[in-house]
Amino acid sequence: MISVTHLAKVYSQAGRDIHALAGVSLEVPAGSVHGVIGPSGAGKSTLVRCLALLDRPTSGTVEIDGVDLASVPAGELRKARRRLGVVFQHANLFDSRTVLDNVAYPLEIAGVSRRERRARALELLGLVGLSEAAGAHPAQLSGGQRQRVGIARALATDPDVLLCDEPTSALDPRTTDEILDLIASLKQRLGLAVLVITHEMHVVKRICDTVSLLEAGAIVESGPLADVVAAFGSRLSTSLLALPGDLEDGDVDALDALGTSAPGHGTRGSALDAATRELGAAPRIVAGTVETLGGVTFHRLRLVAPPGTSPARLVDALTTHGAQAQEVTR
């Protein structure tokens, strides 16, 4: 488990302080994936550097199973980092080394014998599906294969936590899904706590159990995937359940509605059907999307009230029957 508490990083530049991180707190239990998403300049790269101890936090703690790595003396940093595996956006492999030697490199630095590190590297290459590539060089591999090698190398020291910094942003969609599925599988098999830094909602949807929105160095929204989506109207909910297209000029009185098919939440269909019966006419569906996130199937609709019915009246009818709804403002 990784636990980050009140993590802050302040840089001094041109005589002024820049608060790159402003009290970030989050927890990632073993066997789960937490996504951190945010715009450029939000502090995502600084967060990774502080978690990986490449930069010392100005204040706060970074604990793995109760041990605060942020307070480890400088002379013990290399040993402390072995509890963390880092997967970078680009695999950053050594071109002159074979795949096997790339994976074994962290063990070489740690002073592990040649025989032991070879055996461990072969084991890890098998784990990521690249046993046959042990003798190849990085230039002979595809982008997805190089990223698999990077993941295997990150696991060489048997870490408790895997930090993934934009691990799929340089890959095509099919390869992206393969790498994400591999990370999810390794999380489960090895009991890893995985933290993924990303700007892609697809990554969050596919593998994350929990997610945080980072902005200006601070977490502004956070929680289990199903909970943040259910927070109707929030930025994460809107982004994770994006509707196709824009409002047409004639749809000035549109509204958004959110329902679920999870037990105890009601269903989108029943709420809409019940509202239609109550109003005596069906709203017009302008756009819709359905996603299963965090084990819950969510339905988000953009609706236009039937003639003679105000948007506010339609909102009341939908909420009465178990959905969430709000008028759309341009």
Foldseek 3Di string as FASTA:
>chain_A
DKWWFQFWAWDADPRDIATLAGTATDDFFFLFEEEEAEDPSLNLVVVVCCLLVVDQTPDTFIDDVRDTLSPDDPVCNLVVSLQEFEQEQALPFDQVDFLLCRLLVSVVVVVHDPVVSSVLSLVLCVLLVRNVRRGPGPVVDDRLVSSSSSVSSSCSSPHQEYEYENNDPVDDPVSSLSVLVSVSVCSNVSRHRYYYYHNDLVSCQRGHQKYFYGGSNYTDDIDGWVVVLLVPPDPSVCVNFPWPDDDDPVQQQKKKKKFWPDPPQAGPVQLQVQLCVVVVHHWDWPTWDWGQGNNIIMIMTITGDDPPDHSVSSQVSSVVRRMHMDTDDD
